[in-house]
Amino acid sequence: MSNNRPLYHLTADKNWINDPNGLIFYKGFYHVFYQHHPFGLDWGPMHWGHQVSKDLLHWEHLPFALTPGNSFDKDGCFSGSSIVVNDRLYIFYTGFINNEDPEKIRQQQCIAYSDDGIHFTKGGLVIGEDKLPKEFAPNDFRDPCVFVENDRYVMLVAARRINGRGNILRYESFDLLHWEFVTAILKEDSKGTMIECPDYIKDLNLLTYCEQFQPVEGYLHHNLHTNIYEVGEFVDKKFMSFKKGMIDYGFDFYAPQFFMDKGILIAWMNMWDRNNPSKKYGFTGSMTIPRKVEVVNNELLQTPVMPQNVLYELKNVTNLTDHVVTGFYRLEIEGLKSFSLKLRKGDKHETSFVLFEDEWVFNRSRSGDEIAGKEKDSDSVKGIRRMPLKKLEKHTLYVVLDKFSVELFVDGVSMTSLIYPNEDEDLLQLKIQSNLNLMTRFKF
């Protein structure tokens, strides 16, 4: 693998990847599958790439889990999920058939299985167009999420009403093979054009999904395609929401999925409708650092999975200069008054993260190679993302810095973005005013 690759963010050997799929802990390994076009740097016929890890930081490539070509998935194996039943690993995914005419595209739900977690056998179609309610479009019906509820299996599938908006459909089964439609689970359809990538953690009462072309609302939806969580519960098969919010406030975060029994999240660290400067290094797309998640007072909180060995600890930092391209930092700050962090600073470029009045402001306008999208709001054009400040006596911040990305966590709220500075631009400058603080840098 080229040296011009992220150090600890999962990527393919080469070419394009997007959504993480089928995240599961099976036979002693964390398995991450993902959408992968092995023959080009742009999106193409989707395969399921496959990597495993013991610690969520070091990854090993395995053969493709799924390759398109059957009658039910001849043009792509789209996103889905995994479940273990009687020590057998089952994959549910969307088979894509592209008949070139957009109205004749078909997306349908398929199954595959494995007894070793490496070699997979396709089992064919389990939910076709005949099981789709007539008011929903068969060309926008994808991304199955399967879990167990009481005495049955439940599948949530993203769908779009014909000439309408997105929702999430609920199906139920007693044997994983025969599924019956139950209901659309959201009280109201999306305000965006389509919902994608639903996921649900029963133990946390947590539903997540993505919305495409959702209108901007305050701090929310500044990306054309955004990520949402809702905390609630199923009542009469429909999801009753207590609270709704953003999963990540940054530029580059999409299609999150969980290791359900571990409460750990991984997302695609990229965004649709943007250019990809990483192409010059032979790859397009990577995954976020895995994050431990919890729900506190109906709010989603995230903490990055961190190395355990400490490089140094510094108390009562007011001004710090360091040289770092990749690294993990944790800051604990009491009585915070001001905060300014500059990363990957050099003669031409820098990335900044500052506290300005009652909000955190991330700025990548001078971060290196331009990353341009189709967003037209003034912040996006300027390379800025914001998130609100929680007014607490003590703040905990994490900084996860890799060659082409920065992930920031403040009191459990995250902001993830790509950056492309020059390789030799490695200066870190931190300025803090506070009553007391502790900064820890970790070795990888």
Protein backbone atom coordinates (compact mmCIF):
# COMPACT_ATOMS: atom_id res chain seq x y z
CA MET A 1 0.00 0.00 0.00
CA SER A 2 1.27 3.50 -0.85
CA ASN A 3 2.76 5.72 1.84
CA ASN A 4 0.26 8.33 0.69
CA ARG A 5 -2.54 6.59 2.54
CA PRO A 6 -4.22 7.16 5.89
CA LEU A 7 -2.29 5.51 8.70
CA TYR A 8 -5.22 4.16 10.70
CA HIS A 9 -8.36 4.85 8.68
CA LEU A 10 -9.65 1.89 6.70
CA THR A 11 -9.31 2.16 2.92
CA ALA A 12 -9.27 -0.35 0.07
CA ASP A 13 -6.01 -1.48 -1.52
CA LYS A 14 -6.91 0.84 -4.38
CA ASN A 15 -9.84 2.55 -6.10
CA TRP A 16 -13.28 3.52 -4.85
CA ILE A 17 -15.09 2.69 -1.59
CA ASN A 18 -18.20 4.10 0.07
CA ASP A 19 -20.74 2.88 2.66
CA PRO A 20 -19.65 0.49 5.43
CA ASN A 21 -21.83 -2.64 5.35
CA GLY A 22 -22.58 -5.65 7.50
CA LEU A 23 -20.58 -4.56 10.56
CA ILE A 24 -20.39 -7.50 12.94
CA PHE A 25 -18.17 -9.23 15.50
CA TYR A 26 -17.88 -12.86 14.38
CA LYS A 27 -15.47 -15.67 15.26
CA GLY A 28 -13.13 -13.39 17.18
CA PHE A 29 -12.84 -10.59 14.60
CA TYR A 30 -14.52 -7.28 13.85
CA HIS A 31 -15.75 -7.58 10.25
CA VAL A 32 -16.20 -4.48 8.12
CA PHE A 33 -17.67 -4.93 4.66
CA TYR A 34 -18.03 -1.93 2.36
CA GLN A 35 -19.19 -0.77 -1.03
CA HIS A 36 -16.24 -1.10 -3.38
CA HIS A 37 -15.52 -0.57 -7.07
CA PRO A 38 -12.27 -2.52 -7.52
CA PHE A 39 -11.69 -1.42 -11.13
CA GLY A 40 -11.85 2.37 -10.92
CA LEU A 41 -11.44 5.51 -8.83
CA ASP A 42 -15.07 6.52 -9.37
CA TRP A 43 -18.29 4.83 -8.32
CA GLY A 44 -19.00 1.74 -10.43
CA PRO A 45 -20.49 -1.76 -10.18
CA MET A 46 -20.57 -2.32 -6.43
CA HIS A 47 -18.78 -5.26 -4.81
CA TRP A 48 -18.60 -5.95 -1.08
CA GLY A 49 -15.02 -5.39 0.06
CA HIS A 50 -14.06 -7.06 3.33
CA GLN A 51 -11.56 -6.34 6.10
CA VAL A 52 -11.17 -7.68 9.65
CA SER A 53 -9.51 -6.47 12.83
CA LYS A 54 -8.83 -7.59 16.38
CA ASP A 55 -8.55 -4.07 17.82
CA LEU A 56 -10.47 -1.77 15.41
CA LEU A 57 -7.23 0.07 14.56
CA HIS A 58 -5.23 -2.44 12.48
CA TRP A 59 -7.01 -3.98 9.48
CA GLU A 60 -6.42 -7.06 7.30
CA HIS A 61 -7.82 -7.39 3.79
CA LEU A 62 -9.88 -10.48 2.88
CA PRO A 63 -11.35 -11.56 -0.49
CA PHE A 64 -14.52 -9.91 -1.78
CA ALA A 65 -17.55 -11.12 0.14
CA LEU A 66 -19.99 -10.36 -2.70
CA THR A 67 -19.47 -9.85 -6.43
CA PRO A 68 -22.31 -8.78 -8.76
CA GLY A 69 -23.38 -10.93 -11.70
CA ASN A 70 -26.41 -13.04 -10.79
CA SER A 71 -29.86 -12.34 -12.19
CA PHE A 72 -30.92 -10.65 -8.94
CA ASP A 73 -27.77 -8.46 -8.53
CA LYS A 74 -26.24 -8.38 -11.99
CA ASP A 75 -25.24 -4.69 -11.87
CA GLY A 76 -24.30 -4.27 -8.22
CA CYS A 77 -24.42 -5.55 -4.66
CA PHE A 78 -25.60 -2.50 -2.75
CA SER A 79 -25.50 -1.79 0.99
CA GLY A 80 -26.90 -3.97 3.75
CA SER A 81 -26.34 -5.60 7.12
CA SER A 82 -25.31 -8.85 8.83
CA ILE A 83 -26.74 -11.09 11.52
CA VAL A 84 -25.49 -14.31 13.16
CA VAL A 85 -27.98 -17.14 13.67
CA ASN A 86 -26.87 -20.57 14.97
CA ASP A 87 -23.22 -19.63 14.36
CA ARG A 88 -23.88 -18.88 10.67
CA LEU A 89 -23.26 -15.37 9.35
CA TYR A 90 -26.04 -14.03 7.13
CA ILE A 91 -25.70 -10.98 4.88
CA PHE A 92 -28.71 -9.04 3.64
CA TYR A 93 -28.02 -6.65 0.79
CA THR A 94 -29.69 -4.84 -2.10
CA GLY A 95 -29.37 -6.41 -5.54
CA PHE A 96 -29.16 -3.72 -8.20
CA ILE A 97 -30.40 -4.18 -11.76
CA ASN A 98 -29.75 -1.25 -14.09
CA ASN A 99 -31.75 -1.37 -17.28
CA GLU A 100 -30.37 2.05 -18.31
CA ASP A 101 -33.84 3.60 -18.25
CA PRO A 102 -34.12 5.11 -14.71
CA GLU A 103 -37.75 4.00 -14.46
CA LYS A 104 -36.75 0.39 -15.14
CA ILE A 105 -34.00 0.25 -12.50
CA ARG A 106 -34.82 -2.37 -9.88
CA GLN A 107 -33.53 -2.60 -6.32
CA GLN A 108 -34.47 -5.70 -4.32
CA GLN A 109 -33.36 -7.39 -1.12
CA CYS A 110 -31.12 -10.47 -1.24
CA ILE A 111 -29.42 -12.89 1.16
CA ALA A 112 -26.01 -14.60 1.38
CA TYR A 113 -24.40 -16.67 4.14
CA SER A 114 -21.07 -17.95 5.45
CA ASP A 115 -19.92 -20.49 8.03
CA ASP A 116 -16.35 -19.15 8.31
CA GLY A 117 -16.79 -15.38 7.81
CA ILE A 118 -14.62 -15.46 4.68
CA HIS A 119 -16.38 -17.43 1.94
CA PHE A 120 -19.98 -16.54 1.12
CA THR A 121 -22.76 -18.32 -0.75
CA LYS A 122 -25.57 -16.30 -2.31
CA GLY A 123 -29.08 -17.39 -1.42
CA GLY A 124 -30.93 -15.18 -3.88
CA LEU A 125 -33.90 -12.86 -3.62
CA VAL A 126 -35.93 -12.55 -0.41
CA ILE A 127 -37.93 -9.34 -1.03
CA GLY A 128 -38.74 -8.43 -4.61
CA GLU A 129 -41.00 -5.90 -6.26
CA ASP A 130 -44.05 -8.01 -5.46
CA LYS A 131 -43.54 -7.37 -1.72
CA LEU A 132 -43.18 -3.61 -2.15
CA PRO A 133 -46.31 -1.51 -1.41
CA LYS A 134 -47.73 -0.11 -4.64
CA GLU A 135 -47.21 3.51 -3.59
CA PHE A 136 -43.41 3.03 -3.32
CA ALA A 137 -40.93 3.12 -6.22
CA PRO A 138 -39.09 -0.15 -7.04
CA ASN A 139 -36.11 1.86 -8.35
CA ASP A 140 -35.48 3.45 -4.90
CA PHE A 141 -35.75 0.57 -2.39
CA ARG A 142 -32.49 -0.31 -0.64
CA ASP A 143 -30.12 -0.81 2.30
CA PRO A 144 -31.73 -3.50 4.50
CA CYS A 145 -31.05 -3.50 8.25
CA VAL A 146 -31.93 -6.78 10.00
CA PHE A 147 -32.27 -7.39 13.74
CA VAL A 148 -34.17 -9.60 16.19
CA GLU A 149 -37.22 -8.36 18.08
CA ASN A 150 -38.96 -10.75 20.46
CA ASP A 151 -39.81 -13.91 18.47
CA ARG A 152 -39.19 -12.60 14.96
CA TYR A 153 -36.69 -10.97 12.64
CA VAL A 154 -37.25 -7.38 11.54
CA MET A 155 -35.91 -5.77 8.37
CA LEU A 156 -35.88 -2.00 7.87
CA VAL A 157 -35.48 -0.89 4.24
CA ALA A 158 -35.20 2.65 2.86
CA ALA A 159 -37.79 3.47 0.19
CA ARG A 160 -39.28 6.40 -1.72
CA ARG A 161 -42.91 7.02 -2.54
CA ILE A 162 -43.67 7.29 -6.26
CA ASN A 163 -43.51 11.02 -7.05
CA GLY A 164 -42.87 11.56 -3.34
CA ARG A 165 -40.34 11.45 -0.52
CA GLY A 166 -38.41 8.88 1.46
CA ASN A 167 -39.48 6.73 4.41
CA ILE A 168 -38.35 3.46 6.03
CA LEU A 169 -40.35 0.26 5.52
CA ARG A 170 -40.66 -2.47 8.13
CA TYR A 171 -40.78 -6.16 7.16
CA GLU A 172 -40.98 -9.18 9.47
CA SER A 173 -39.98 -12.84 9.16
CA PHE A 174 -39.73 -15.99 11.27
CA ASP A 175 -37.06 -17.74 9.17
CA LEU A 176 -34.99 -14.99 7.41
CA LEU A 177 -36.28 -16.18 4.02
CA HIS A 178 -39.98 -15.29 3.92
CA TRP A 179 -40.75 -11.65 4.67
CA GLU A 180 -44.02 -9.73 4.95
CA PHE A 181 -44.50 -5.98 4.77
CA VAL A 182 -45.82 -4.38 7.97
CA THR A 183 -45.72 -0.57 7.75
CA ALA A 184 -43.73 2.57 7.00
CA ILE A 185 -42.14 3.36 10.37
CA LEU A 186 -41.67 7.15 10.26
CA LYS A 187 -44.63 9.34 11.17
CA GLU A 188 -43.78 11.75 8.35
CA ASP A 189 -41.89 11.26 5.11
CA SER A 190 -38.48 12.90 4.77
CA LYS A 191 -38.31 16.50 3.64
CA GLY A 192 -35.45 15.37 1.42
CA THR A 193 -35.81 13.33 -1.74
CA MET A 194 -34.71 9.94 -0.37
CA ILE A 195 -33.73 8.20 2.85
CA GLU A 196 -30.75 5.81 2.83
CA CYS A 197 -28.87 3.43 5.13
CA PRO A 198 -31.24 2.93 8.09
CA ASP A 199 -29.77 1.27 11.18
CA TYR A 200 -31.25 0.50 14.59
CA ILE A 201 -29.77 -0.44 17.96
CA LYS A 202 -32.54 -1.88 20.08
CA ASP A 203 -30.57 -1.66 23.36
CA LEU A 204 -30.14 2.11 22.90
CA ASN A 205 -33.55 2.82 21.31
CA LEU A 206 -31.49 4.47 18.58
CA LEU A 207 -32.48 4.81 14.93
CA THR A 208 -30.07 6.31 12.39
CA TYR A 209 -30.45 7.08 8.69
CA CYS A 210 -29.31 9.47 5.96
CA GLU A 211 -31.34 12.00 4.02
CA GLN A 212 -30.59 13.28 0.53
CA PHE A 213 -31.16 16.92 -0.44
CA GLN A 214 -32.71 17.84 2.89
CA PRO A 215 -33.37 21.60 3.35
CA VAL A 216 -31.02 23.42 5.74
CA GLU A 217 -32.42 23.90 9.27
CA GLY A 218 -30.20 25.95 11.61
CA TYR A 219 -27.06 23.89 12.29
CA LEU A 220 -28.54 20.92 10.43
CA HIS A 221 -28.22 19.63 6.87
CA HIS A 222 -25.53 21.93 5.51
CA ASN A 223 -24.27 19.00 3.44
CA LEU A 224 -26.54 18.10 0.53
CA HIS A 225 -26.67 14.60 2.01
CA THR A 226 -26.85 14.38 5.76
CA ASN A 227 -26.97 12.00 8.70
CA ILE A 228 -29.68 11.82 11.36
CA TYR A 229 -30.30 10.04 14.64
CA GLU A 230 -33.57 9.64 16.47
CA VAL A 231 -34.01 8.29 19.99
CA GLY A 232 -37.39 6.69 20.58
CA GLU A 233 -39.24 3.40 20.61
CA PHE A 234 -41.43 1.23 18.42
CA VAL A 235 -45.13 1.53 19.27
CA ASP A 236 -47.53 -0.57 17.19
CA LYS A 237 -44.61 -1.22 14.81
CA LYS A 238 -44.04 2.48 14.11
CA PHE A 239 -41.10 4.46 15.48
CA MET A 240 -42.12 7.12 18.00
CA SER A 241 -39.32 9.67 18.31
CA PHE A 242 -38.34 11.44 21.54
CA LYS A 243 -35.44 13.42 20.09
CA LYS A 244 -33.86 14.00 16.68
CA GLY A 245 -30.40 15.34 15.89
CA MET A 246 -27.28 15.27 13.73
CA ILE A 247 -24.81 12.42 14.14
CA ASP A 248 -21.86 14.49 12.87
CA TYR A 249 -21.52 18.20 12.04
CA GLY A 250 -18.57 17.96 9.65
CA PHE A 251 -18.20 17.96 5.88
CA ASP A 252 -17.40 14.27 5.39
CA PHE A 253 -19.57 11.75 7.21
CA TYR A 254 -22.21 9.50 5.67
CA ALA A 255 -23.89 6.08 5.88
CA PRO A 256 -23.04 5.27 9.53
CA GLN A 257 -23.52 1.70 10.70
CA PHE A 258 -23.09 -0.06 14.04
CA PHE A 259 -21.57 -3.18 15.45
CA MET A 260 -24.92 -3.64 17.16
CA ASP A 261 -23.89 -5.73 20.15
CA LYS A 262 -20.77 -3.58 20.74
CA GLY A 263 -22.28 -0.10 20.45
CA ILE A 264 -19.55 0.96 18.02
CA LEU A 265 -20.15 3.09 14.93
CA ILE A 266 -18.21 3.46 11.66
CA ALA A 267 -19.18 5.73 8.76
CA TRP A 268 -17.98 6.56 5.26
CA MET A 269 -15.57 9.50 5.60
CA ASN A 270 -16.51 11.26 2.40
CA MET A 271 -19.55 12.87 0.79
CA TRP A 272 -21.52 12.60 -2.43
CA ASP A 273 -21.40 15.38 -5.03
CA ARG A 274 -17.83 16.45 -4.19
CA ASN A 275 -14.50 16.15 -5.98
CA ASN A 276 -11.95 13.70 -4.55
CA PRO A 277 -8.33 14.97 -4.33
CA SER A 278 -7.22 11.55 -3.04
CA LYS A 279 -7.54 10.15 -6.57
CA LYS A 280 -3.99 11.26 -7.28
CA TYR A 281 -2.85 8.82 -4.59
CA GLY A 282 -4.74 5.89 -6.14
CA PHE A 283 -7.73 5.65 -3.80
CA THR A 284 -11.12 7.28 -3.29
CA GLY A 285 -12.87 7.06 0.05
CA SER A 286 -12.09 5.82 3.56
CA MET A 287 -13.88 5.06 6.81
CA THR A 288 -14.05 7.09 10.00
CA ILE A 289 -12.28 5.98 13.13
CA PRO A 290 -14.57 3.57 15.04
CA ARG A 291 -16.56 5.38 17.74
CA LYS A 292 -18.07 4.07 20.96
CA VAL A 293 -21.61 5.39 21.32
CA GLU A 294 -24.05 5.88 24.16
CA VAL A 295 -27.36 7.65 24.65
CA VAL A 296 -27.59 10.02 27.62
CA ASN A 297 -30.76 12.06 28.24
CA ASN A 298 -31.91 11.04 24.74
CA GLU A 299 -28.75 12.50 23.17
CA LEU A 300 -26.26 10.51 21.07
CA LEU A 301 -22.70 10.78 22.41
CA GLN A 302 -19.57 9.45 20.69
CA THR A 303 -16.00 8.73 21.78
CA PRO A 304 -13.27 7.59 19.36
CA VAL A 305 -11.67 4.19 19.83
CA MET A 306 -8.20 5.20 21.01
CA PRO A 307 -4.79 3.57 21.44
CA GLN A 308 -3.91 2.93 25.06
CA ASN A 309 -0.20 3.83 25.18
CA VAL A 310 0.54 7.42 26.14
CA LEU A 311 3.24 9.52 24.47
CA TYR A 312 3.02 12.44 26.87
CA GLU A 313 0.73 14.36 29.24
CA LEU A 314 0.89 18.12 29.79
CA LYS A 315 -0.90 20.02 32.56
CA ASN A 316 -2.22 23.56 32.29
CA VAL A 317 -1.34 24.11 28.65
CA THR A 318 -1.77 27.71 27.50
CA ASN A 319 0.38 27.66 24.36
CA LEU A 320 1.61 24.48 22.70
CA THR A 321 3.53 23.93 19.48
CA ASP A 322 3.96 20.40 18.14
CA HIS A 323 4.87 18.75 14.84
CA VAL A 324 2.39 16.05 13.90
CA VAL A 325 0.84 14.59 10.74
CA THR A 326 -0.99 11.70 12.43
CA GLY A 327 -1.96 11.49 16.07
CA PHE A 328 -4.53 11.07 18.83
CA TYR A 329 -5.06 13.76 21.46
CA ARG A 330 -7.38 14.11 24.45
CA LEU A 331 -7.94 17.39 26.29
CA GLU A 332 -9.77 17.83 29.59
CA ILE A 333 -10.54 21.47 30.29
CA GLU A 334 -12.15 23.08 33.33
CA GLY A 335 -13.39 26.66 33.21
CA LEU A 336 -12.89 27.06 29.46
CA LYS A 337 -12.60 30.71 28.39
CA SER A 338 -11.06 30.54 24.91
CA PHE A 339 -9.75 27.86 22.54
CA SER A 340 -7.83 27.93 19.25
CA LEU A 341 -6.35 24.91 17.47
CA LYS A 342 -4.44 25.02 14.18
CA LEU A 343 -3.50 21.76 12.45
CA ARG A 344 -1.28 20.79 9.50
CA LYS A 345 -0.01 24.35 9.36
CA GLY A 346 2.72 25.26 6.89
CA ASP A 347 3.83 28.07 4.62
CA LYS A 348 0.65 27.90 2.53
CA HIS A 349 -1.97 25.93 4.43
CA GLU A 350 -3.64 25.43 7.80
CA THR A 351 -6.82 23.95 9.25
CA SER A 352 -8.41 25.66 12.25
CA PHE A 353 -10.88 24.78 14.99
CA VAL A 354 -11.82 27.61 17.35
CA LEU A 355 -14.38 28.53 19.96
CA PHE A 356 -16.17 31.70 18.85
CA GLU A 357 -18.78 32.99 21.27
CA ASP A 358 -21.24 30.09 21.73
CA GLU A 359 -20.19 27.85 18.86
CA TRP A 360 -17.30 25.76 17.63
CA VAL A 361 -16.09 26.77 14.17
CA PHE A 362 -14.12 24.48 11.86
CA ASN A 363 -12.42 26.07 8.86
CA ARG A 364 -10.74 24.20 5.99
CA SER A 365 -10.71 27.07 3.50
CA ARG A 366 -6.87 26.97 3.51
CA SER A 367 -6.41 23.25 4.19
CA GLY A 368 -4.72 22.32 0.89
CA ASP A 369 -6.18 20.84 -2.29
CA GLU A 370 -9.64 22.29 -2.84
CA ILE A 371 -12.61 20.07 -1.97
CA ALA A 372 -15.59 21.51 -3.83
CA GLY A 373 -19.20 20.43 -3.53
CA LYS A 374 -22.56 21.60 -4.81
CA GLU A 375 -23.60 23.32 -1.57
CA LYS A 376 -24.27 27.02 -2.12
CA ASP A 377 -24.71 28.40 1.42
CA SER A 378 -22.08 30.92 2.52
CA ASP A 379 -20.44 28.67 5.15
CA SER A 380 -19.99 25.80 2.72
CA VAL A 381 -18.53 28.09 0.07
CA LYS A 382 -16.07 29.41 2.69
CA GLY A 383 -15.11 25.91 3.88
CA ILE A 384 -16.76 26.33 7.30
CA ARG A 385 -18.80 24.04 9.55
CA ARG A 386 -20.23 24.95 12.96
CA MET A 387 -21.66 23.18 15.99
CA PRO A 388 -23.16 24.60 19.19
CA LEU A 389 -21.22 24.86 22.45
CA LYS A 390 -22.50 22.92 25.45
CA LYS A 391 -22.02 25.15 28.50
CA LEU A 392 -20.34 22.79 30.98
CA GLU A 393 -17.94 23.20 33.87
CA LYS A 394 -15.64 20.59 32.33
CA HIS A 395 -15.13 19.87 28.63
CA THR A 396 -13.57 16.79 27.05
CA LEU A 397 -12.15 17.08 23.53
CA TYR A 398 -10.58 14.45 21.29
CA VAL A 399 -8.58 15.17 18.15
CA VAL A 400 -7.97 12.31 15.70
CA LEU A 401 -5.58 13.49 13.00
CA ASP A 402 -4.58 11.39 9.98
CA LYS A 403 -2.84 12.27 6.73
CA PHE A 404 -6.02 13.43 4.99
CA SER A 405 -8.56 13.93 7.76
CA VAL A 406 -9.38 15.41 11.12
CA GLU A 407 -12.09 14.09 13.47
CA LEU A 408 -13.03 16.34 16.36
CA PHE A 409 -15.11 15.30 19.37
CA VAL A 410 -16.33 17.84 21.92
CA ASP A 411 -18.32 16.54 24.87
CA GLY A 412 -19.51 13.59 22.81
CA VAL A 413 -20.47 15.57 19.69
CA SER A 414 -18.42 14.97 16.55
CA MET A 415 -17.25 16.91 13.51
CA THR A 416 -15.46 14.99 10.72
CA SER A 417 -13.78 16.42 7.63
CA LEU A 418 -11.19 15.62 4.97
CA ILE A 419 -8.17 17.86 4.36
CA TYR A 420 -5.36 17.65 1.76
CA PRO A 421 -2.35 19.74 2.87
CA ASN A 422 1.20 19.24 1.67
CA GLU A 423 2.99 16.30 3.29
CA ASP A 424 5.57 18.51 5.01
CA GLU A 425 2.95 20.81 6.59
CA ASP A 426 2.89 19.38 10.11
CA LEU A 427 2.73 22.23 12.61
CA LEU A 428 0.14 22.07 15.41
CA GLN A 429 -0.57 25.21 17.45
CA LEU A 430 -2.86 25.16 20.46
CA LYS A 431 -3.90 28.13 22.62
CA ILE A 432 -6.20 27.69 25.62
CA GLN A 433 -7.45 29.98 28.36
CA SER A 434 -8.96 28.00 31.24
CA ASN A 435 -8.83 27.41 34.97
CA LEU A 436 -7.27 23.97 34.60
CA ASN A 437 -6.51 21.61 31.71
CA LEU A 438 -4.75 18.36 30.88
CA MET A 439 -3.60 17.33 27.41
CA THR A 440 -2.69 13.73 26.55
CA ARG A 441 -1.08 12.58 23.32
CA PHE A 442 -1.31 8.88 22.48
CA LYS A 443 1.01 6.65 20.45
CA PHE A 444 -0.45 4.62 17.59
